[in-house]
PDB file of N, CA and C in Angstrom:
ATOM      1  N   MET A   1       3.455  50.015  -9.350  1.00  0.00           N
ATOM      2  CA  MET A   1       2.946  48.795  -8.774  1.00  0.00           C
ATOM      3  C   MET A   1       1.977  49.064  -7.652  1.00  0.00           C
ATOM      4  N   PRO A   2       1.136  50.045  -7.754  1.00  0.00           N
ATOM      5  CA  PRO A   2       0.188  50.321  -6.682  1.00  0.00           C
ATOM      6  C   PRO A   2      -0.920  49.263  -6.572  1.00  0.00           C
ATOM      7  N   ASP A   3      -1.154  48.474  -7.639  1.00  0.00           N
ATOM      8  CA  ASP A   3      -2.203  47.437  -7.606  1.00  0.00           C
ATOM      9  C   ASP A   3      -1.767  46.197  -6.847  1.00  0.00           C
ATOM     10  N   GLU A   4      -0.499  46.005  -6.678  1.00  0.00           N
ATOM     11  CA  GLU A   4      -0.007  44.792  -6.004  1.00  0.00           C
ATOM     12  C   GLU A   4      -0.106  44.927  -4.510  1.00  0.00           C
ATOM     13  N   LEU A   5      -0.390  43.800  -3.844  1.00  0.00           N
ATOM     14  CA  LEU A   5      -0.517  43.798  -2.385  1.00  0.00           C
ATOM     15  C   LEU A   5       0.872  43.580  -1.755  1.00  0.00           C
ATOM     16  N   SER A   6       1.033  44.122  -0.584  1.00  0.00           N
ATOM     17  CA  SER A   6       2.310  43.888   0.132  1.00  0.00           C
ATOM     18  C   SER A   6       2.254  42.506   0.766  1.00  0.00           C
ATOM     19  N   VAL A   7       3.382  42.061   1.249  1.00  0.00           N
ATOM     20  CA  VAL A   7       3.469  40.729   1.885  1.00  0.00           C
ATOM     21  C   VAL A   7       2.548  40.671   3.116  1.00  0.00           C
ATOM     22  N   GLY A   8       2.492  41.698   3.870  1.00  0.00           N
ATOM     23  CA  GLY A   8       1.620  41.741   5.076  1.00  0.00           C
ATOM     24  C   GLY A   8       0.158  41.663   4.673  1.00  0.00           C
ATOM     25  N   GLU A   9      -0.213  42.409   3.604  1.00  0.00           N
ATOM     26  CA  GLU A   9      -1.612  42.360   3.165  1.00  0.00           C
ATOM     27  C   GLU A   9      -1.983  40.985   2.638  1.00  0.00           C
ATOM     28  N   LEU A  10      -1.052  40.349   1.903  1.00  0.00           N
ATOM     29  CA  LEU A  10      -1.285  38.993   1.409  1.00  0.00           C
ATOM     30  C   LEU A  10      -1.468  38.021   2.572  1.00  0.00           C
ATOM     31  N   GLY A  11      -0.653  38.143   3.587  1.00  0.00           N
ATOM     32  CA  GLY A  11      -0.747  37.286   4.746  1.00  0.00           C
ATOM     33  C   GLY A  11      -2.107  37.419   5.443  1.00  0.00           C
ATOM     34  N   ARG A  12      -2.571  38.680   5.590  1.00  0.00           N
ATOM     35  CA  ARG A  12      -3.871  38.926   6.206  1.00  0.00           C
ATOM     36  C   ARG A  12      -5.004  38.361   5.328  1.00  0.00           C
ATOM     37  N   ALA A  13      -4.859  38.483   4.006  1.00  0.00           N
ATOM     38  CA  ALA A  13      -5.891  37.958   3.091  1.00  0.00           C
ATOM     39  C   ALA A  13      -5.951  36.434   3.182  1.00  0.00           C
ATOM     40  N   VAL A  14      -4.789  35.809   3.240  1.00  0.00           N
ATOM     41  CA  VAL A  14      -4.747  34.356   3.343  1.00  0.00           C
ATOM     42  C   VAL A  14      -5.334  33.914   4.664  1.00  0.00           C
ATOM     43  N   ALA A  15      -5.026  34.599   5.748  1.00  0.00           N
ATOM     44  CA  ALA A  15      -5.582  34.265   7.056  1.00  0.00           C
ATOM     45  C   ALA A  15      -7.095  34.408   7.064  1.00  0.00           C
ATOM     46  N   ALA A  16      -7.603  35.480   6.425  1.00  0.00           N
ATOM     47  CA  ALA A  16      -9.048  35.678   6.364  1.00  0.00           C
ATOM     48  C   ALA A  16      -9.701  34.542   5.561  1.00  0.00           C
ATOM     49  N   LEU A  17      -9.108  34.185   4.441  1.00  0.00           N
ATOM     50  CA  LEU A  17      -9.635  33.080   3.633  1.00  0.00           C
ATOM     51  C   LEU A  17      -9.644  31.775   4.408  1.00  0.00           C
ATOM     52  N   ARG A  18      -8.584  31.562   5.159  1.00  0.00           N
ATOM     53  CA  ARG A  18      -8.487  30.347   5.968  1.00  0.00           C
ATOM     54  C   ARG A  18      -9.612  30.280   6.989  1.00  0.00           C
ATOM     55  N   GLN A  19      -9.917  31.403   7.613  1.00  0.00           N
ATOM     56  CA  GLN A  19     -11.013  31.444   8.589  1.00  0.00           C
ATOM     57  C   GLN A  19     -12.346  31.204   7.919  1.00  0.00           C
ATOM     58  N   VAL A  20     -12.541  31.751   6.744  1.00  0.00           N
ATOM     59  CA  VAL A  20     -13.813  31.565   6.022  1.00  0.00           C
ATOM     60  C   VAL A  20     -13.974  30.083   5.649  1.00  0.00           C
ATOM     61  N   ILE A  21     -12.886  29.454   5.203  1.00  0.00           N
ATOM     62  CA  ILE A  21     -12.938  28.046   4.795  1.00  0.00           C
ATOM     63  C   ILE A  21     -13.206  27.162   6.016  1.00  0.00           C
ATOM     64  N   GLN A  22     -12.571  27.481   7.150  1.00  0.00           N
ATOM     65  CA  GLN A  22     -12.809  26.700   8.363  1.00  0.00           C
ATOM     66  C   GLN A  22     -14.257  26.835   8.826  1.00  0.00           C
ATOM     67  N   ALA A  23     -14.800  28.041   8.751  1.00  0.00           N
ATOM     68  CA  ALA A  23     -16.202  28.261   9.115  1.00  0.00           C
ATOM     69  C   ALA A  23     -17.126  27.491   8.220  1.00  0.00           C
ATOM     70  N   MET A  24     -16.820  27.453   6.930  1.00  0.00           N
ATOM     71  CA  MET A  24     -17.649  26.698   5.977  1.00  0.00           C
ATOM     72  C   MET A  24     -17.576  25.207   6.315  1.00  0.00           C
ATOM     73  N   GLY A  25     -16.379  24.702   6.591  1.00  0.00           N
ATOM     74  CA  GLY A  25     -16.224  23.306   6.940  1.00  0.00           C
ATOM     75  C   GLY A  25     -16.983  22.942   8.196  1.00  0.00           C
ATOM     76  N   GLN A  26     -16.945  23.816   9.198  1.00  0.00           N
ATOM     77  CA  GLN A  26     -17.698  23.551  10.432  1.00  0.00           C
ATOM     78  C   GLN A  26     -19.194  23.536  10.167  1.00  0.00           C
ATOM     79  N   GLY A  27     -19.637  24.440   9.311  1.00  0.00           N
ATOM     80  CA  GLY A  27     -21.078  24.459   8.960  1.00  0.00           C
ATOM     81  C   GLY A  27     -21.497  23.207   8.222  1.00  0.00           C
ATOM     82  N   ILE A  28     -20.664  22.755   7.329  1.00  0.00           N
ATOM     83  CA  ILE A  28     -20.958  21.517   6.595  1.00  0.00           C
ATOM     84  C   ILE A  28     -20.992  20.312   7.550  1.00  0.00           C
ATOM     85  N   ASN A  29     -20.018  20.273   8.432  1.00  0.00           N
ATOM     86  CA  ASN A  29     -19.977  19.160   9.401  1.00  0.00           C
ATOM     87  C   ASN A  29     -21.199  19.169  10.297  1.00  0.00           C
ATOM     88  N   ALA A  30     -21.618  20.337  10.719  1.00  0.00           N
ATOM     89  CA  ALA A  30     -22.797  20.435  11.566  1.00  0.00           C
ATOM     90  C   ALA A  30     -24.032  19.924  10.838  1.00  0.00           C
ATOM     91  N   ARG A  31     -24.161  20.282   9.534  1.00  0.00           N
ATOM     92  CA  ARG A  31     -25.327  19.826   8.785  1.00  0.00           C
ATOM     93  C   ARG A  31     -25.246  18.327   8.519  1.00  0.00           C
ATOM     94  N   LEU A  32     -24.053  17.797   8.276  1.00  0.00           N
ATOM     95  CA  LEU A  32     -23.907  16.356   8.033  1.00  0.00           C
ATOM     96  C   LEU A  32     -24.235  15.565   9.282  1.00  0.00           C
ATOM     97  N   ASP A  33     -23.869  16.085  10.442  1.00  0.00           N
ATOM     98  CA  ASP A  33     -24.179  15.385  11.682  1.00  0.00           C
ATOM     99  C   ASP A  33     -25.688  15.254  11.862  1.00  0.00           C
ATOM    100  N   LYS A  34     -26.448  16.219  11.401  1.00  0.00           N
ATOM    101  CA  LYS A  34     -27.877  16.180  11.530  1.00  0.00           C
ATOM    102  C   LYS A  34     -28.509  15.250  10.501  1.00  0.00           C
ATOM    103  N   VAL A  35     -27.901  15.185   9.311  1.00  0.00           N
ATOM    104  CA  VAL A  35     -28.477  14.396   8.215  1.00  0.00           C
ATOM    105  C   VAL A  35     -28.237  12.910   8.382  1.00  0.00           C
ATOM    106  N   VAL A  36     -27.014  12.519   8.686  1.00  0.00           N
ATOM    107  CA  VAL A  36     -26.660  11.100   8.780  1.00  0.00           C
ATOM    108  C   VAL A  36     -26.286  10.786  10.224  1.00  0.00           C
ATOM    109  N   SER A  37     -27.097   9.935  10.811  1.00  0.00           N
ATOM    110  CA  SER A  37     -26.775   9.555  12.213  1.00  0.00           C
ATOM    111  C   SER A  37     -25.622   8.576  12.220  1.00  0.00           C
ATOM    112  N   THR A  38     -25.004   8.487  13.359  1.00  0.00           N
ATOM    113  CA  THR A  38     -23.876   7.571  13.514  1.00  0.00           C
ATOM    114  C   THR A  38     -24.321   6.133  13.379  1.00  0.00           C
ATOM    115  N   LYS A  39     -25.505   5.822  13.857  1.00  0.00           N
ATOM    116  CA  LYS A  39     -26.039   4.471  13.771  1.00  0.00           C
ATOM    117  C   LYS A  39     -26.226   4.038  12.310  1.00  0.00           C
ATOM    118  N   VAL A  40     -26.808   4.956  11.525  1.00  0.00           N
ATOM    119  CA  VAL A  40     -27.040   4.638  10.116  1.00  0.00           C
ATOM    120  C   VAL A  40     -25.687   4.485   9.405  1.00  0.00           C
ATOM    121  N   TYR A  41     -24.755   5.360   9.708  1.00  0.00           N
ATOM    122  CA  TYR A  41     -23.423   5.288   9.093  1.00  0.00           C
ATOM    123  C   TYR A  41     -22.744   3.968   9.441  1.00  0.00           C
ATOM    124  N   THR A  42     -22.835   3.570  10.692  1.00  0.00           N
ATOM    125  CA  THR A  42     -22.250   2.308  11.147  1.00  0.00           C
ATOM    126  C   THR A  42     -22.853   1.108  10.432  1.00  0.00           C
ATOM    127  N   LEU A  43     -24.169   1.105  10.333  1.00  0.00           N
ATOM    128  CA  LEU A  43     -24.850   0.002   9.611  1.00  0.00           C
ATOM    129  C   LEU A  43     -24.450  -0.018   8.135  1.00  0.00           C
ATOM    130  N   GLN A  44     -24.439   1.166   7.525  1.00  0.00           N
ATOM    131  CA  GLN A  44     -24.076   1.225   6.091  1.00  0.00           C
ATOM    132  C   GLN A  44     -22.624   0.780   5.912  1.00  0.00           C
ATOM    133  N   SER A  45     -21.735   1.195   6.786  1.00  0.00           N
ATOM    134  CA  SER A  45     -20.340   0.788   6.700  1.00  0.00           C
ATOM    135  C   SER A  45     -20.182  -0.725   6.849  1.00  0.00           C
ATOM    136  N   ALA A  46     -20.929  -1.311   7.776  1.00  0.00           N
ATOM    137  CA  ALA A  46     -20.851  -2.753   7.984  1.00  0.00           C
ATOM    138  C   ALA A  46     -21.368  -3.496   6.735  1.00  0.00           C
ATOM    139  N   TYR A  47     -22.465  -3.012   6.172  1.00  0.00           N
ATOM    140  CA  TYR A  47     -23.006  -3.617   4.934  1.00  0.00           C
ATOM    141  C   TYR A  47     -21.995  -3.502   3.792  1.00  0.00           C
ATOM    142  N   THR A  48     -21.395  -2.332   3.655  1.00  0.00           N
ATOM    143  CA  THR A  48     -20.406  -2.123   2.609  1.00  0.00           C
ATOM    144  C   THR A  48     -19.215  -3.052   2.798  1.00  0.00           C
ATOM    145  N   ASP A  49     -18.760  -3.199   4.024  1.00  0.00           N
ATOM    146  CA  ASP A  49     -17.647  -4.136   4.295  1.00  0.00           C
ATOM    147  C   ASP A  49     -18.024  -5.558   3.941  1.00  0.00           C
ATOM    148  N   GLN A  50     -19.262  -5.951   4.288  1.00  0.00           N
ATOM    149  CA  GLN A  50     -19.698  -7.313   3.953  1.00  0.00           C
ATOM    150  C   GLN A  50     -19.762  -7.509   2.439  1.00  0.00           C
ATOM    151  N   ARG A  51     -20.239  -6.529   1.718  1.00  0.00           N
ATOM    152  CA  ARG A  51     -20.308  -6.611   0.257  1.00  0.00           C
ATOM    153  C   ARG A  51     -18.926  -6.693  -0.360  1.00  0.00           C
ATOM    154  N   ILE A  52     -18.013  -5.897   0.151  1.00  0.00           N
ATOM    155  CA  ILE A  52     -16.640  -5.927  -0.336  1.00  0.00           C
ATOM    156  C   ILE A  52     -16.038  -7.291  -0.099  1.00  0.00           C
ATOM    157  N   THR A  53     -16.253  -7.852   1.075  1.00  0.00           N
ATOM    158  CA  THR A  53     -15.724  -9.183   1.397  1.00  0.00           C
ATOM    159  C   THR A  53     -16.334 -10.226   0.464  1.00  0.00           C
ATOM    160  N   ALA A  54     -17.654 -10.145   0.249  1.00  0.00           N
ATOM    161  CA  ALA A  54     -18.309 -11.098  -0.641  1.00  0.00           C
ATOM    162  C   ALA A  54     -17.790 -10.962  -2.067  1.00  0.00           C
ATOM    163  N   LEU A  55     -17.603  -9.747  -2.530  1.00  0.00           N
ATOM    164  CA  LEU A  55     -17.076  -9.552  -3.891  1.00  0.00           C
ATOM    165  C   LEU A  55     -15.644 -10.062  -3.990  1.00  0.00           C
ATOM    166  N   GLY A  56     -14.865  -9.882  -2.928  1.00  0.00           N
ATOM    167  CA  GLY A  56     -13.511 -10.403  -2.922  1.00  0.00           C
ATOM    168  C   GLY A  56     -13.501 -11.929  -3.021  1.00  0.00           C
ATOM    169  N   GLN A  57     -14.436 -12.565  -2.302  1.00  0.00           N
ATOM    170  CA  GLN A  57     -14.536 -14.022  -2.362  1.00  0.00           C
ATOM    171  C   GLN A  57     -14.988 -14.480  -3.775  1.00  0.00           C
ATOM    172  N   ASP A  58     -15.934 -13.746  -4.331  1.00  0.00           N
ATOM    173  CA  ASP A  58     -16.379 -14.068  -5.684  1.00  0.00           C
ATOM    174  C   ASP A  58     -15.236 -13.929  -6.701  1.00  0.00           C
ATOM    175  N   MET A  59     -14.443 -12.876  -6.530  1.00  0.00           N
ATOM    176  CA  MET A  59     -13.299 -12.679  -7.429  1.00  0.00           C
ATOM    177  C   MET A  59     -12.295 -13.828  -7.266  1.00  0.00           C
ATOM    178  N   GLN A  60     -12.096 -14.280  -6.027  1.00  0.00           N
ATOM    179  CA  GLN A  60     -11.161 -15.382  -5.785  1.00  0.00           C
ATOM    180  C   GLN A  60     -11.672 -16.659  -6.464  1.00  0.00           C
ATOM    181  N   LYS A  61     -12.975 -16.902  -6.369  1.00  0.00           N
ATOM    182  CA  LYS A  61     -13.563 -18.078  -7.010  1.00  0.00           C
ATOM    183  C   LYS A  61     -13.365 -18.025  -8.524  1.00  0.00           C
ATOM    184  N   VAL A  62     -13.572 -16.849  -9.104  1.00  0.00           N
ATOM    185  CA  VAL A  62     -13.396 -16.691 -10.548  1.00  0.00           C
ATOM    186  C   VAL A  62     -11.906 -16.894 -10.917  1.00  0.00           C
ATOM    187  N   ALA A  63     -11.029 -16.366 -10.129  1.00  0.00           N
ATOM    188  CA  ALA A  63      -9.588 -16.553 -10.399  1.00  0.00           C
ATOM    189  C   ALA A  63      -9.221 -18.013 -10.303  1.00  0.00           C
ATOM    190  N   ASP A  64      -9.742 -18.721  -9.293  1.00  0.00           N
ATOM    191  CA  ASP A  64      -9.464 -20.149  -9.135  1.00  0.00           C
ATOM    192  C   ASP A  64     -10.007 -20.935 -10.334  1.00  0.00           C
ATOM    193  N   ALA A  65     -11.226 -20.596 -10.746  1.00  0.00           N
ATOM    194  CA  ALA A  65     -11.812 -21.264 -11.902  1.00  0.00           C
ATOM    195  C   ALA A  65     -11.003 -21.011 -13.155  1.00  0.00           C
ATOM    196  N   ARG A  66     -10.551 -19.781 -13.332  1.00  0.00           N
ATOM    197  CA  ARG A  66      -9.731 -19.449 -14.514  1.00  0.00           C
ATOM    198  C   ARG A  66      -8.402 -20.218 -14.479  1.00  0.00           C
ATOM    199  N   ASN A  67      -7.795 -20.318 -13.305  1.00  0.00           N
ATOM    200  CA  ASN A  67      -6.554 -21.070 -13.187  1.00  0.00           C
ATOM    201  C   ASN A  67      -6.774 -22.542 -13.473  1.00  0.00           C
ATOM    202  N   ALA A  68      -7.871 -23.086 -12.983  1.00  0.00           N
ATOM    203  CA  ALA A  68      -8.196 -24.506 -13.245  1.00  0.00           C
ATOM    204  C   ALA A  68      -8.409 -24.719 -14.730  1.00  0.00           C
ATOM    205  N   LEU A  69      -9.121 -23.796 -15.371  1.00  0.00           N
ATOM    206  CA  LEU A  69      -9.373 -23.914 -16.817  1.00  0.00           C
ATOM    207  C   LEU A  69      -8.067 -23.816 -17.594  1.00  0.00           C
ATOM    208  N   LYS A  70      -7.195 -22.932 -17.162  1.00  0.00           N
ATOM    209  CA  LYS A  70      -5.888 -22.773 -17.817  1.00  0.00           C
ATOM    210  C   LYS A  70      -5.071 -24.054 -17.695  1.00  0.00           C
ATOM    211  N   THR A  71      -5.072 -24.628 -16.500  1.00  0.00           N
ATOM    212  CA  THR A  71      -4.344 -25.878 -16.267  1.00  0.00           C
ATOM    213  C   THR A  71      -4.927 -27.010 -17.111  1.00  0.00           C
ATOM    214  N   ALA A  72      -6.232 -27.112 -17.147  1.00  0.00           N
ATOM    215  CA  ALA A  72      -6.886 -28.151 -17.943  1.00  0.00           C
ATOM    216  C   ALA A  72      -6.556 -27.963 -19.425  1.00  0.00           C
ATOM    217  N   PHE A  73      -6.539 -26.746 -19.911  1.00  0.00           N
ATOM    218  CA  PHE A  73      -6.225 -26.500 -21.307  1.00  0.00           C
ATOM    219  C   PHE A  73      -4.761 -26.860 -21.621  1.00  0.00           C
ATOM    220  N   GLU A  74      -3.881 -26.523 -20.702  1.00  0.00           N
ATOM    221  CA  GLU A  74      -2.472 -26.903 -20.911  1.00  0.00           C
ATOM    222  C   GLU A  74      -2.315 -28.421 -20.925  1.00  0.00           C
ATOM    223  N   GLN A  75      -3.028 -29.115 -20.061  1.00  0.00           N
ATOM    224  CA  GLN A  75      -2.963 -30.590 -20.044  1.00  0.00           C
ATOM    225  C   GLN A  75      -3.552 -31.144 -21.369  1.00  0.00           C
ATOM    226  N   TYR A  76      -4.617 -30.548 -21.828  1.00  0.00           N
ATOM    227  CA  TYR A  76      -5.197 -30.974 -23.094  1.00  0.00           C
ATOM    228  C   TYR A  76      -4.199 -30.771 -24.232  1.00  0.00           C
ATOM    229  N   GLN A  77      -3.519 -29.641 -24.258  1.00  0.00           N
ATOM    230  CA  GLN A  77      -2.535 -29.393 -25.302  1.00  0.00           C
ATOM    231  C   GLN A  77      -1.409 -30.420 -25.267  1.00  0.00           C
ATOM    232  N   LEU A  78      -0.937 -30.754 -24.065  1.00  0.00           N
ATOM    233  CA  LEU A  78       0.126 -31.754 -23.940  1.00  0.00           C
ATOM    234  C   LEU A  78      -0.357 -33.116 -24.381  1.00  0.00           C
ATOM    235  N   ALA A  79      -1.572 -33.482 -24.001  1.00  0.00           N
ATOM    236  CA  ALA A  79      -2.111 -34.771 -24.396  1.00  0.00           C
ATOM    237  C   ALA A  79      -2.297 -34.835 -25.915  1.00  0.00           C
ATOM    238  N   GLU A  80      -2.784 -33.746 -26.482  1.00  0.00           N
ATOM    239  CA  GLU A  80      -2.983 -33.698 -27.950  1.00  0.00           C
ATOM    240  C   GLU A  80      -1.647 -33.786 -28.666  1.00  0.00           C
ATOM    241  N   ARG A  81      -0.614 -33.116 -28.133  1.00  0.00           N
ATOM    242  CA  ARG A  81       0.697 -33.196 -28.727  1.00  0.00           C
ATOM    243  C   ARG A  81       1.225 -34.614 -28.685  1.00  0.00           C
ATOM    244  N   ASP A  82       1.057 -35.269 -27.545  1.00  0.00           N
ATOM    245  CA  ASP A  82       1.506 -36.668 -27.406  1.00  0.00           C
ATOM    246  C   ASP A  82       0.744 -37.591 -28.360  1.00  0.00           C
ATOM    247  N   ARG A  83      -0.585 -37.383 -28.484  1.00  0.00           N
ATOM    248  CA  ARG A  83      -1.399 -38.215 -29.377  1.00  0.00           C
ATOM    249  C   ARG A  83      -0.941 -38.056 -30.822  1.00  0.00           C
ATOM    250  N   ARG A  84      -0.680 -36.834 -31.237  1.00  0.00           N
ATOM    251  CA  ARG A  84      -0.220 -36.586 -32.611  1.00  0.00           C
ATOM    252  C   ARG A  84       1.152 -37.226 -32.844  1.00  0.00           C
ATOM    253  N   GLU A  85       2.001 -37.147 -31.840  1.00  0.00           N
ATOM    254  CA  GLU A  85       3.319 -37.756 -31.979  1.00  0.00           C
ATOM    255  C   GLU A  85       3.201 -39.266 -32.104  1.00  0.00           C
ATOM    256  N   ARG A  86       2.331 -39.880 -31.331  1.00  0.00           N
ATOM    257  CA  ARG A  86       2.127 -41.322 -31.446  1.00  0.00           C
ATOM    258  C   ARG A  86       1.587 -41.711 -32.821  1.00  0.00           C
ATOM    259  N   GLU A  87       0.636 -40.929 -33.309  1.00  0.00           N
ATOM    260  CA  GLU A  87       0.093 -41.184 -34.645  1.00  0.00           C
ATOM    261  C   GLU A  87       1.181 -41.050 -35.709  1.00  0.00           C
ATOM    262  N   ARG A  88       2.007 -40.003 -35.566  1.00  0.00           N
ATOM    263  CA  ARG A  88       3.083 -39.813 -36.542  1.00  0.00           C
ATOM    264  C   ARG A  88       4.052 -40.971 -36.528  1.00  0.00           C
ATOM    265  N   GLN A  89       4.385 -41.419 -35.319  1.00  0.00           N
ATOM    266  CA  GLN A  89       5.305 -42.564 -35.196  1.00  0.00           C
ATOM    267  C   GLN A  89       4.674 -43.837 -35.748  1.00  0.00           C
ATOM    268  N   ALA A  90       3.381 -44.026 -35.507  1.00  0.00           N
ATOM    269  CA  ALA A  90       2.683 -45.226 -36.016  1.00  0.00           C
ATOM    270  C   ALA A  90       2.672 -45.202 -37.540  1.00  0.00           C
ATOM    271  N   ARG A  91       2.413 -44.055 -38.160  1.00  0.00           N
ATOM    272  CA  ARG A  91       2.412 -43.991 -39.628  1.00  0.00           C
ATOM    273  C   ARG A  91       3.799 -44.228 -40.182  1.00  0.00           C
ATOM    274  N   LEU A  92       4.796 -43.657 -39.491  1.00  0.00           N
ATOM    275  CA  LEU A  92       6.169 -43.844 -39.937  1.00  0.00           C
ATOM    276  C   LEU A  92       6.560 -45.317 -39.838  1.00  0.00           C
ATOM    277  N   TYR A  93       6.163 -45.975 -38.752  1.00  0.00           N
ATOM    278  CA  TYR A  93       6.423 -47.411 -38.561  1.00  0.00           C
ATOM    279  C   TYR A  93       5.751 -48.215 -39.658  1.00  0.00           C
ATOM    280  N   GLN A  94       4.496 -47.865 -39.965  1.00  0.00           N
ATOM    281  CA  GLN A  94       3.782 -48.601 -41.016  1.00  0.00           C
ATOM    282  C   GLN A  94       4.452 -48.438 -42.380  1.00  0.00           C
ATOM    283  N   MET A  95       4.962 -47.258 -42.650  1.00  0.00           N
ATOM    284  CA  MET A  95       5.656 -47.043 -43.938  1.00  0.00           C
ATOM    285  C   MET A  95       6.971 -47.802 -44.000  1.00  0.00           C
ATOM    286  N   VAL A  96       7.659 -47.877 -42.884  1.00  0.00           N
ATOM    287  CA  VAL A  96       8.955 -48.588 -42.865  1.00  0.00           C
ATOM    288  C   VAL A  96       8.766 -50.091 -42.954  1.00  0.00           C
ATOM    289  N   CYS A  97       7.686 -50.588 -42.326  1.00  0.00           N
ATOM    290  CA  CYS A  97       7.460 -52.030 -42.284  1.00  0.00           C
ATOM    291  C   CYS A  97       6.875 -52.567 -43.560  1.00  0.00           C
ATOM    292  N   ARG A  98       6.415 -51.817 -44.451  1.00  0.00           N
ATOM    293  CA  ARG A  98       5.794 -52.295 -45.699  1.00  0.00           C
ATOM    294  C   ARG A  98       6.784 -52.864 -46.618  1.00  0.00           C
TER     295      ARG A  98
END
């Protein structure tokens, strides 16, 4: 097993990798700070929040319209059922009274 690393060597390798990753993250953050200013980010975030709010309101309007349509359709079905029942009773009455 000469190819395998000891626990101490693995620990040092992991620590070295951790340092490399941290350095890369710091480099990325430094470049991002230069590319996107805080003011632009704040404005973009505010716009995104407004759009999300507007879309939420639009979704609520659509849900309300769907619920209203569903209620109207249910009322139509009940009215149609009642109309058919009245017609059936009227025909039955006409047949009995003849």
